[in-house]
Every structure is written in C-alpha cells, then in structure tokens.
Amino acid sequence: MSADEVVALYDPDDVCGRVVGSAPRSRVRAENLPHAATGVLLRRPTGEVFVHRRARTKDLWPGAHDCAAGGVVNAGESPLEAARRELAEELGVEGAALTEVFTGWYRDDDTHYLAHVYEAVWDGPVRFVDDEVEDGWWEHPAVLTERLADPAWPFVPDTRRLLATGGLLGAGPEPVPGGRWEPGETVVYRWGREGRTRFARLARVVRHDDDGLLLWVGPGWPVVEQSLADGRGVREAPLEQRFTAPRARRSAVWRGPGILMLVPPGPTAWSVWWFFGTGADGARTFEGWYGNLEAPHALRTTALGTRLVDSADRALDVWVTPDRTAHWKDEDEFAAITALGTRWTAEQAPQIRADGEQVMALARAGAPPFDGRWTDFSPDPAWPVPRFPADWDVPHVAGP
C-alpha cells in the first residue's frame, strides 16, 4: 500500500462500475473521491468466516476488526484482479475460486466506493503477508452476527453495513408477509440464476391487487443488462456465441416509449408485458402483448425497504398481436440453450413450452390479461425517474 499508488476513479451514478479516470491514493483519501474496492469473505467448508484485526498503520479504521479481505481497485485493474491480489497480499490465500455475491455503493465521511464483494471457500493456511493484518481467527456466522449487533464492538463501518445490506451472514431479504405494494413505489425487477442478478429493471407500481402486480417501466429509466465481455451486445453475437462467450453487466437505460409488466398472482411461470409505440402524431400506441416465460416469481422486501421481484428468464417467449394472434418468439435461442444444458435440461423443455401454450390459449380466448385492459394506459406524470437503491444487488433467489 502506498499513498502514491494510482487508483481508478468510478462514475458514482453507475451501479455496475464505469471507470472515468484515475488519481493517486493520497488524493482519493483527501478528497473522498468515488472509486472501487473489493472485499472477500473467506469461509471454511464448514461455514466459519475468517475475522481479522486490521493493522494500526492502516489509513482507514486502524486496529478495527473486519471480515472482508480487500482494498481499492488500481488503475488498469479489474475488480476480480484486485480481489485476488488483495486476498493474496493480506491473507496469503492464492488459487481460491472467487464468487461475486454483491455489488453496491458505500459512502461516508471517510470513503466513497463501489463495493465488489466476493466469497471464497478455503481450507488451507492463512498467512499475514503484507503486515496489514495483525491477528485473525475463524468465527461461526451466528457468533459473528451477535458481535455485530453490539455497536461498541470496534468493527469497520463499511463491512458492517454491507453485511447487513447483502444478508451475507444469512439474514437476507424476507418474503412480503401477505401485504400489497402501494402505487408509485419503486420496484427492482431482476432476472438471474445461481444467486446472481444478470439483468435488472426499475419500475413503479401501478396496481397490486387480486389480478397481480402491475408495473410501469418508463422511457430512459435505468436498467442493468448483460453484454459480452468484449463490449458487444448479446444479440450482436452469432447464436453459437451468445450463451458461451464471457459476459459482463453494464448500466443502460430502457429504450422505447415504455412498457407495462404484469406479475400474475400465484406461482405462475410467466409474466405479460404491454408494449407501446409512438404514432405519427406523437401519441402512444399499443403494439401488442409479450408473454415472457420465466421462473415463478419471488416478491421480497429487503431490510432497507427495497421492493424486489426475482425471476429467471427461459429465453422462449410468446408474442401476441393486438388482434390476439399468438406465435412463438426466440425459438432458436431456446433450442440452443436446451442443447447446451446449462440453464435447464431437455427434460424440462416440454414444461416450459406448456407454459407458453397456456399464455397462447389465454390470448386466443381474450381472457385476462388479454381482454383489452390497460391498452390505453398513461403513466402518472408526477413519477420521477427512479434510481437503483443501495441494496439492489442482494443475492438473487429465483430458480434456475
């Protein structure tokens, strides 16, 4: 660690992490500039977490306890590279597989950074290589949780809050206890798998009643989407590369005049979207319905009050024209993923198709939600553009 090392500076309004410059570490600390930092929760195979006491020479919170090994991301370095470097430098751990579990901004009077939190399972020795750690031990998560409940225990404030926000010690977001969300509330609609959000969309509640949860996504509202690691959009790649090439998340905005999204009540493996366009006179026009086949939805509220809808995309979808003519969409992608067997097996594919056929049958019958309601919808003009909350990236819970 050196006051002269060059640290990457990040856009504080970008939730995925966009580098906008660099500065010496001394300036980053003195001016509290937005940057990125990593933290690795090291666990034993039996679940214990490694807790350590920081050296008294650290420039932030000297002598305090922590359970995340990490540090700032240097210029020209990726967060994953930084996490591996810091884990080796602080605890002497090399070669452990790192799984990113949470990304979120943290800010106080001392530091302002985008946290990339990883987990690693390690059953080998721990060595304090660079003198940034004075002591350390393995702690059961329940004991650590009890210690963290004591505000007087000298524990670094950033990891304390990130642990609570991300539910990384087991206290994650709880299911909504039978309640309904209020019109105008912000919702983060997320698609993911294996505990990680791949896509996220900000929406506002239109209605939440016996017909389900109806959401509005406005034009230009922030989204998180996946691209290929080389910067290309997923749909820009040949079909054979779309599901095998490395991917990365990026911040973007919703393109188009806006959509309505209905999450039906109950364990339904699809949602329905109303797509709108813009007519020659500039007025909003209804273009059709989109039946998005996806995993049954999990509606949750986090400890910070953030509303989440979690699901997992099935690739195969249904398009329904205004006259209720229905046909399949993206059958080629569905076939490619089924052949790979990375998201579902060939044995699961018939059930996914059966879910799509259910959507088609409802559309052809003109049954709800294809009965003409909401085709002339206009959003509340008082709704401001929503922003991603600090805990938007807590671990994802929907199935594969």
Protein backbone atom coordinates (compact mmCIF):
# COMPACT_ATOMS: atom_id res chain seq x y z
CA MET A 1 0.00 0.00 0.00
CA SER A 2 1.35 3.39 -0.96
CA ALA A 3 -0.08 6.89 -0.92
CA ASP A 4 1.29 7.25 -4.44
CA GLU A 5 -0.37 4.18 -5.98
CA VAL A 6 -2.77 5.15 -8.78
CA VAL A 7 -6.40 4.32 -8.08
CA ALA A 8 -9.15 4.03 -10.69
CA LEU A 9 -11.95 6.60 -10.32
CA TYR A 10 -15.55 5.49 -10.96
CA ASP A 11 -18.77 7.21 -12.00
CA PRO A 12 -20.81 7.44 -8.75
CA ASP A 13 -24.08 7.26 -10.71
CA ASP A 14 -23.20 3.97 -12.40
CA VAL A 15 -24.27 0.92 -10.37
CA CYS A 16 -22.18 -1.56 -12.39
CA GLY A 17 -18.90 0.34 -12.36
CA ARG A 18 -17.68 2.69 -15.08
CA VAL A 19 -14.11 3.96 -14.90
CA VAL A 20 -13.86 7.71 -15.56
CA GLY A 21 -10.27 8.49 -14.60
CA SER A 22 -7.54 7.88 -12.04
CA ALA A 23 -5.83 9.65 -9.15
CA PRO A 24 -3.11 8.97 -6.54
CA ARG A 25 -4.39 7.18 -3.46
CA SER A 26 -3.45 10.17 -1.29
CA ARG A 27 -5.79 12.42 -3.29
CA VAL A 28 -8.58 9.83 -3.27
CA ARG A 29 -8.43 9.77 0.52
CA ALA A 30 -8.01 13.52 0.98
CA GLU A 31 -10.93 14.44 -1.33
CA ASN A 32 -13.03 11.30 -0.72
CA LEU A 33 -13.23 10.60 -4.45
CA PRO A 34 -15.51 7.82 -5.77
CA HIS A 35 -13.53 4.70 -6.58
CA ALA A 36 -13.99 0.93 -6.34
CA ALA A 37 -12.90 -1.53 -3.69
CA THR A 38 -13.13 -5.25 -3.16
CA GLY A 39 -13.91 -7.42 -0.17
CA VAL A 40 -13.60 -11.20 0.08
CA LEU A 41 -15.45 -13.20 2.73
CA LEU A 42 -13.25 -16.21 3.36
CA ARG A 43 -15.18 -19.24 4.60
CA ARG A 44 -14.25 -22.73 5.69
CA PRO A 45 -16.11 -25.64 4.04
CA THR A 46 -17.97 -25.93 7.37
CA GLY A 47 -19.18 -22.32 7.11
CA GLU A 48 -16.99 -20.38 9.55
CA VAL A 49 -15.92 -16.89 8.45
CA PHE A 50 -12.38 -15.58 8.84
CA VAL A 51 -12.33 -12.46 11.05
CA HIS A 52 -9.22 -10.32 11.37
CA ARG A 53 -7.94 -7.22 13.14
CA ARG A 54 -6.53 -4.52 10.93
CA ALA A 55 -3.02 -3.19 11.45
CA ARG A 56 -2.69 0.05 13.38
CA THR A 57 -0.82 1.53 10.41
CA LYS A 58 -3.87 1.41 8.09
CA ASP A 59 -5.01 4.78 6.74
CA LEU A 60 -8.66 3.93 7.48
CA TRP A 61 -10.03 2.48 10.74
CA PRO A 62 -6.68 1.25 12.13
CA GLY A 63 -6.95 -1.57 14.66
CA ALA A 64 -10.62 -2.29 13.93
CA HIS A 65 -11.98 -5.76 13.19
CA ASP A 66 -13.11 -6.83 9.71
CA CYS A 67 -14.14 -10.00 7.92
CA ALA A 68 -13.57 -8.83 4.34
CA ALA A 69 -10.06 -9.02 2.92
CA GLY A 70 -9.69 -6.41 0.22
CA GLY A 71 -8.75 -2.94 -0.87
CA VAL A 72 -9.00 -0.36 -3.61
CA VAL A 73 -9.02 -1.21 -7.32
CA ASN A 74 -5.99 0.26 -9.02
CA ALA A 75 -5.94 1.93 -12.41
CA GLY A 76 -5.95 -0.65 -15.21
CA GLU A 77 -7.11 -3.41 -12.85
CA SER A 78 -10.44 -5.24 -12.86
CA PRO A 79 -12.29 -5.78 -9.56
CA LEU A 80 -11.68 -9.53 -9.81
CA GLU A 81 -7.96 -9.00 -10.34
CA ALA A 82 -7.89 -6.62 -7.37
CA ALA A 83 -9.77 -9.10 -5.17
CA ARG A 84 -7.31 -11.88 -5.97
CA ARG A 85 -4.33 -9.60 -5.39
CA GLU A 86 -5.61 -8.30 -2.05
CA LEU A 87 -6.53 -11.77 -0.80
CA ALA A 88 -3.00 -12.97 -1.55
CA GLU A 89 -1.37 -9.87 -0.04
CA GLU A 90 -3.43 -9.73 3.16
CA LEU A 91 -4.11 -13.39 3.99
CA GLY A 92 -1.67 -15.32 1.81
CA VAL A 93 -4.52 -17.13 0.04
CA GLU A 94 -3.90 -17.92 -3.65
CA GLY A 95 -5.80 -20.10 -6.07
CA ALA A 96 -9.17 -19.96 -4.28
CA ALA A 97 -12.23 -19.66 -6.54
CA LEU A 98 -13.94 -16.31 -6.01
CA THR A 99 -17.71 -15.92 -6.45
CA GLU A 100 -19.03 -12.35 -6.67
CA VAL A 101 -22.12 -12.08 -4.48
CA PHE A 102 -22.88 -8.38 -4.15
CA THR A 103 -22.16 -5.02 -5.76
CA GLY A 104 -23.20 -1.73 -4.22
CA TRP A 105 -22.10 1.81 -3.45
CA TYR A 106 -20.93 2.75 0.04
CA ARG A 107 -20.30 6.30 1.24
CA ASP A 108 -19.45 8.02 4.50
CA ASP A 109 -17.25 10.92 5.57
CA ASP A 110 -14.09 8.83 5.13
CA THR A 111 -14.60 6.84 1.93
CA HIS A 112 -16.81 6.59 -1.17
CA TYR A 113 -16.57 3.45 -3.24
CA LEU A 114 -18.36 0.82 -5.29
CA ALA A 115 -18.00 -2.41 -3.33
CA HIS A 116 -17.44 -5.67 -5.17
CA VAL A 117 -17.98 -8.37 -2.55
CA TYR A 118 -16.83 -11.94 -3.19
CA GLU A 119 -16.92 -15.20 -1.29
CA ALA A 120 -14.28 -17.93 -1.28
CA VAL A 121 -14.14 -21.32 0.41
CA TRP A 122 -10.70 -22.12 1.83
CA ASP A 123 -9.43 -24.97 3.97
CA GLY A 124 -5.75 -24.12 3.84
CA PRO A 125 -3.40 -21.96 5.90
CA VAL A 126 -3.83 -18.20 6.37
CA ARG A 127 -0.72 -16.01 6.48
CA PHE A 128 -0.46 -12.27 7.11
CA VAL A 129 1.83 -11.38 4.24
CA ASP A 130 1.95 -7.59 3.95
CA ASP A 131 1.56 -6.52 7.60
CA GLU A 132 -1.92 -5.04 7.01
CA VAL A 133 -3.44 -7.64 9.37
CA GLU A 134 -2.34 -8.10 12.99
CA ASP A 135 -4.39 -11.13 14.01
CA GLY A 136 -7.21 -13.35 12.76
CA TRP A 137 -9.40 -16.35 13.58
CA TRP A 138 -12.34 -18.39 12.28
CA GLU A 139 -15.75 -17.37 13.64
CA HIS A 140 -19.12 -19.09 13.35
CA PRO A 141 -21.59 -16.81 11.46
CA ALA A 142 -24.04 -16.86 14.39
CA VAL A 143 -21.33 -15.68 16.81
CA LEU A 144 -20.19 -13.01 14.37
CA THR A 145 -23.78 -11.82 13.97
CA GLU A 146 -24.08 -11.44 17.76
CA ARG A 147 -20.86 -9.46 17.89
CA LEU A 148 -22.00 -7.18 15.07
CA ALA A 149 -25.19 -6.43 17.00
CA ASP A 150 -23.02 -4.58 19.54
CA PRO A 151 -22.34 -1.10 18.09
CA ALA A 152 -19.47 -0.69 20.56
CA TRP A 153 -17.50 -3.59 19.08
CA PRO A 154 -14.69 -1.98 17.02
CA PHE A 155 -15.65 -3.24 13.57
CA VAL A 156 -15.15 -1.33 10.31
CA PRO A 157 -18.38 0.52 9.40
CA ASP A 158 -18.35 -0.28 5.70
CA THR A 159 -18.24 -4.06 6.05
CA ARG A 160 -20.74 -3.86 8.92
CA ARG A 161 -23.26 -2.15 6.66
CA LEU A 162 -22.50 -4.28 3.60
CA LEU A 163 -23.03 -7.46 5.63
CA ALA A 164 -26.42 -6.20 6.80
CA THR A 165 -27.42 -4.90 3.38
CA GLY A 166 -26.44 -8.00 1.45
CA GLY A 167 -27.61 -10.53 4.01
CA LEU A 168 -24.26 -12.27 3.57
CA LEU A 169 -24.34 -13.92 7.01
CA GLY A 170 -27.75 -15.45 6.40
CA ALA A 171 -30.16 -12.63 7.26
CA GLY A 172 -31.29 -11.81 3.74
CA PRO A 173 -34.47 -10.15 2.49
CA GLU A 174 -37.66 -11.64 3.90
CA PRO A 175 -40.77 -12.58 1.89
CA VAL A 176 -43.50 -9.98 1.80
CA PRO A 177 -45.88 -11.02 4.64
CA GLY A 178 -49.08 -11.03 2.58
CA GLY A 179 -49.00 -7.30 2.01
CA ARG A 180 -49.64 -5.28 -1.13
CA TRP A 181 -47.29 -2.69 -2.53
CA GLU A 182 -48.53 0.86 -2.97
CA PRO A 183 -48.94 2.71 -6.30
CA GLY A 184 -45.85 4.73 -7.15
CA GLU A 185 -43.43 2.62 -5.13
CA THR A 186 -40.16 1.70 -6.83
CA VAL A 187 -39.59 -1.97 -7.63
CA VAL A 188 -36.40 -3.67 -8.85
CA TYR A 189 -37.38 -6.48 -11.25
CA ARG A 190 -34.45 -8.87 -11.54
CA TRP A 191 -33.58 -11.91 -13.64
CA GLY A 192 -30.75 -14.14 -12.52
CA ARG A 193 -29.53 -17.59 -11.61
CA GLU A 194 -27.14 -19.25 -9.18
CA GLY A 195 -27.71 -16.42 -6.71
CA ARG A 196 -26.52 -13.65 -9.05
CA THR A 197 -28.60 -11.00 -10.80
CA ARG A 198 -27.94 -10.87 -14.55
CA PHE A 199 -30.50 -8.24 -15.58
CA ALA A 200 -32.38 -5.65 -13.52
CA ARG A 201 -35.08 -3.17 -14.43
CA LEU A 202 -36.51 -0.30 -12.38
CA ALA A 203 -40.30 0.04 -12.34
CA ARG A 204 -43.08 1.76 -10.44
CA VAL A 205 -46.17 0.09 -9.03
CA VAL A 206 -49.37 0.86 -10.95
CA ARG A 207 -51.58 -1.57 -9.01
CA HIS A 208 -51.14 -4.53 -6.70
CA ASP A 209 -54.37 -6.45 -6.21
CA ASP A 210 -56.03 -9.81 -6.85
CA ASP A 211 -55.07 -9.57 -10.53
CA GLY A 212 -51.39 -9.42 -9.64
CA LEU A 213 -48.64 -6.81 -9.54
CA LEU A 214 -48.81 -4.29 -12.41
CA LEU A 215 -45.64 -2.26 -13.04
CA TRP A 216 -44.65 0.58 -15.36
CA VAL A 217 -41.16 0.94 -16.89
CA GLY A 218 -40.70 4.40 -18.36
CA PRO A 219 -38.55 5.52 -21.28
CA GLY A 220 -34.99 6.33 -20.26
CA TRP A 221 -35.31 4.65 -16.86
CA PRO A 222 -32.14 2.93 -15.60
CA VAL A 223 -31.58 -0.77 -16.22
CA VAL A 224 -28.75 -3.24 -15.71
CA GLU A 225 -28.15 -5.53 -18.65
CA GLN A 226 -25.61 -8.07 -19.82
CA SER A 227 -23.25 -7.63 -22.69
CA LEU A 228 -20.41 -9.79 -23.90
CA ALA A 229 -17.16 -9.11 -22.07
CA ASP A 230 -15.72 -7.60 -25.26
CA GLY A 231 -18.42 -4.90 -25.24
CA ARG A 232 -20.76 -6.31 -27.87
CA GLY A 233 -24.43 -6.63 -27.12
CA VAL A 234 -25.59 -10.22 -26.64
CA ARG A 235 -27.84 -10.04 -29.71
CA GLU A 236 -24.94 -8.70 -31.78
CA ALA A 237 -23.08 -12.00 -31.47
CA PRO A 238 -23.71 -15.10 -33.60
CA LEU A 239 -26.13 -17.53 -31.99
CA GLU A 240 -23.40 -20.04 -31.16
CA GLN A 241 -21.56 -17.38 -29.08
CA ARG A 242 -24.46 -15.81 -27.20
CA PHE A 243 -24.54 -18.35 -24.39
CA THR A 244 -20.91 -19.44 -24.24
CA ALA A 245 -18.87 -16.22 -24.52
CA PRO A 246 -17.88 -14.44 -21.26
CA ARG A 247 -20.36 -11.77 -20.16
CA ALA A 248 -20.31 -8.60 -18.10
CA ARG A 249 -23.00 -6.41 -16.58
CA ARG A 250 -23.40 -2.80 -17.65
CA SER A 251 -25.63 0.13 -16.82
CA ALA A 252 -28.02 1.33 -19.52
CA VAL A 253 -31.49 2.84 -19.90
CA TRP A 254 -34.78 1.43 -21.12
CA ARG A 255 -35.17 2.10 -24.82
CA GLY A 256 -38.61 2.81 -26.21
CA PRO A 257 -41.81 4.55 -25.09
CA GLY A 258 -42.28 2.36 -22.01
CA ILE A 259 -43.95 -0.92 -21.06
CA LEU A 260 -46.42 -2.31 -18.56
CA MET A 261 -45.46 -5.55 -16.83
CA LEU A 262 -47.93 -7.83 -15.03
CA VAL A 263 -46.77 -10.41 -12.50
CA PRO A 264 -49.83 -12.67 -12.12
CA PRO A 265 -50.81 -13.90 -8.64
CA GLY A 266 -49.67 -17.32 -7.54
CA PRO A 267 -46.77 -19.46 -8.75
CA THR A 268 -47.14 -18.57 -12.43
CA ALA A 269 -44.17 -19.28 -14.71
CA TRP A 270 -44.69 -16.25 -16.95
CA SER A 271 -45.37 -12.53 -16.95
CA VAL A 272 -47.21 -10.39 -19.52
CA TRP A 273 -45.94 -7.10 -20.89
CA TRP A 274 -47.87 -4.43 -22.81
CA PHE A 275 -45.64 -2.90 -25.50
CA PHE A 276 -46.30 0.61 -26.76
CA GLY A 277 -45.02 2.62 -29.69
CA THR A 278 -45.29 6.20 -30.88
CA GLY A 279 -47.73 7.08 -33.65
CA ALA A 280 -47.25 9.63 -36.42
CA ASP A 281 -48.93 12.25 -34.24
CA GLY A 282 -46.57 11.51 -31.35
CA ALA A 283 -49.25 9.75 -29.32
CA ARG A 284 -48.59 6.46 -27.53
CA THR A 285 -49.96 3.46 -29.42
CA PHE A 286 -50.49 -0.13 -28.25
CA GLU A 287 -48.37 -2.60 -30.26
CA GLY A 288 -49.11 -5.93 -28.61
CA TRP A 289 -48.53 -8.22 -25.64
CA TYR A 290 -45.38 -10.10 -24.79
CA GLY A 291 -45.62 -13.31 -22.79
CA ASN A 292 -42.27 -13.63 -21.04
CA LEU A 293 -41.69 -17.22 -19.92
CA GLU A 294 -39.75 -17.17 -16.67
CA ALA A 295 -39.42 -18.87 -13.30
CA PRO A 296 -42.18 -18.39 -10.70
CA HIS A 297 -41.64 -15.01 -9.10
CA ALA A 298 -40.31 -14.23 -5.62
CA LEU A 299 -41.60 -10.93 -4.23
CA ARG A 300 -39.45 -9.69 -1.35
CA THR A 301 -38.74 -6.62 0.76
CA THR A 302 -35.19 -6.04 1.98
CA ALA A 303 -34.09 -4.75 5.37
CA LEU A 304 -33.78 -1.29 3.78
CA GLY A 305 -37.34 -1.48 2.42
CA THR A 306 -36.39 -2.14 -1.21
CA ARG A 307 -39.06 -3.99 -3.21
CA LEU A 308 -37.67 -6.86 -5.28
CA VAL A 309 -39.21 -9.19 -7.86
CA ASP A 310 -36.88 -12.08 -8.65
CA SER A 311 -37.26 -14.48 -11.56
CA ALA A 312 -35.19 -16.37 -14.13
CA ASP A 313 -35.61 -15.97 -17.88
CA ARG A 314 -36.48 -19.02 -20.02
CA ALA A 315 -35.45 -17.50 -23.42
CA LEU A 316 -38.55 -18.86 -25.20
CA ASP A 317 -41.35 -16.26 -25.29
CA VAL A 318 -44.73 -15.54 -26.87
CA TRP A 319 -45.75 -12.51 -28.95
CA VAL A 320 -49.43 -11.59 -29.19
CA THR A 321 -50.63 -9.00 -31.72
CA PRO A 322 -53.46 -6.56 -30.89
CA ASP A 323 -55.92 -8.90 -32.69
CA ARG A 324 -54.74 -11.69 -30.31
CA THR A 325 -52.79 -13.70 -32.87
CA ALA A 326 -50.10 -15.54 -30.90
CA HIS A 327 -46.81 -17.05 -32.04
CA TRP A 328 -43.53 -18.21 -30.54
CA LYS A 329 -40.55 -15.89 -30.22
CA ASP A 330 -36.83 -16.78 -29.92
CA GLU A 331 -37.24 -20.50 -30.59
CA ASP A 332 -33.69 -20.59 -31.96
CA GLU A 333 -32.23 -19.28 -28.68
CA PHE A 334 -34.37 -21.69 -26.67
CA ALA A 335 -33.14 -24.64 -28.74
CA ALA A 336 -29.52 -23.52 -28.40
CA ILE A 337 -29.70 -23.20 -24.60
CA THR A 338 -31.57 -26.51 -24.28
CA ALA A 339 -28.84 -28.24 -26.29
CA LEU A 340 -26.16 -26.76 -24.02
CA GLY A 341 -28.00 -27.90 -20.88
CA THR A 342 -26.53 -25.01 -18.87
CA ARG A 343 -29.82 -23.48 -17.64
CA TRP A 344 -32.31 -26.33 -17.92
CA THR A 345 -32.32 -29.86 -19.22
CA ALA A 346 -34.02 -31.29 -22.28
CA GLU A 347 -36.47 -32.95 -19.88
CA GLN A 348 -37.56 -29.52 -18.57
CA ALA A 349 -38.11 -28.02 -22.03
CA PRO A 350 -41.61 -29.54 -22.58
CA GLN A 351 -42.93 -27.89 -19.40
CA ILE A 352 -41.56 -24.52 -20.50
CA ARG A 353 -43.36 -24.95 -23.83
CA ALA A 354 -46.52 -25.94 -21.97
CA ASP A 355 -46.34 -22.66 -20.03
CA GLY A 356 -46.12 -20.80 -23.34
CA GLU A 357 -49.09 -22.70 -24.72
CA GLN A 358 -51.08 -21.64 -21.66
CA VAL A 359 -50.29 -18.00 -22.44
CA MET A 360 -51.32 -18.51 -26.09
CA ALA A 361 -54.62 -20.12 -25.05
CA LEU A 362 -55.46 -17.19 -22.77
CA ALA A 363 -54.67 -14.74 -25.57
CA ARG A 364 -56.77 -16.52 -28.20
CA ALA A 365 -59.71 -16.65 -25.78
CA GLY A 366 -59.41 -12.95 -24.98
CA ALA A 367 -59.17 -13.90 -21.30
CA PRO A 368 -57.38 -11.73 -18.74
CA PRO A 369 -54.85 -10.25 -19.08
CA PHE A 370 -55.56 -10.20 -22.84
CA ASP A 371 -59.05 -8.70 -22.52
CA GLY A 372 -58.16 -5.18 -23.65
CA ARG A 373 -57.47 -3.63 -20.28
CA TRP A 374 -54.55 -1.21 -19.98
CA THR A 375 -54.02 -0.88 -23.74
CA ASP A 376 -54.59 2.88 -23.41
CA PHE A 377 -52.53 3.29 -20.25
CA SER A 378 -50.78 6.57 -19.47
CA PRO A 379 -48.33 6.78 -16.53
CA ASP A 380 -48.60 9.29 -13.71
CA PRO A 381 -46.70 12.36 -14.97
CA ALA A 382 -45.61 13.12 -11.39
CA TRP A 383 -43.46 10.00 -11.23
CA PRO A 384 -39.76 10.95 -11.28
CA VAL A 385 -37.12 8.72 -12.82
CA PRO A 386 -36.28 6.08 -10.16
CA ARG A 387 -32.77 5.27 -9.00
CA PHE A 388 -31.25 1.95 -8.04
CA PRO A 389 -31.27 1.60 -4.23
CA ALA A 390 -28.09 0.69 -2.35
CA ASP A 391 -29.16 -2.93 -1.87
CA TRP A 392 -30.48 -3.65 -5.36
CA ASP A 393 -27.87 -6.41 -5.83
CA VAL A 394 -28.51 -8.56 -2.76
CA PRO A 395 -28.27 -12.29 -3.59
CA HIS A 396 -30.85 -13.44 -6.12
CA VAL A 397 -33.29 -16.17 -5.08
CA ALA A 398 -35.24 -17.37 -8.15
CA GLY A 399 -34.68 -20.86 -9.50
CA PRO A 400 -32.53 -21.87 -12.47
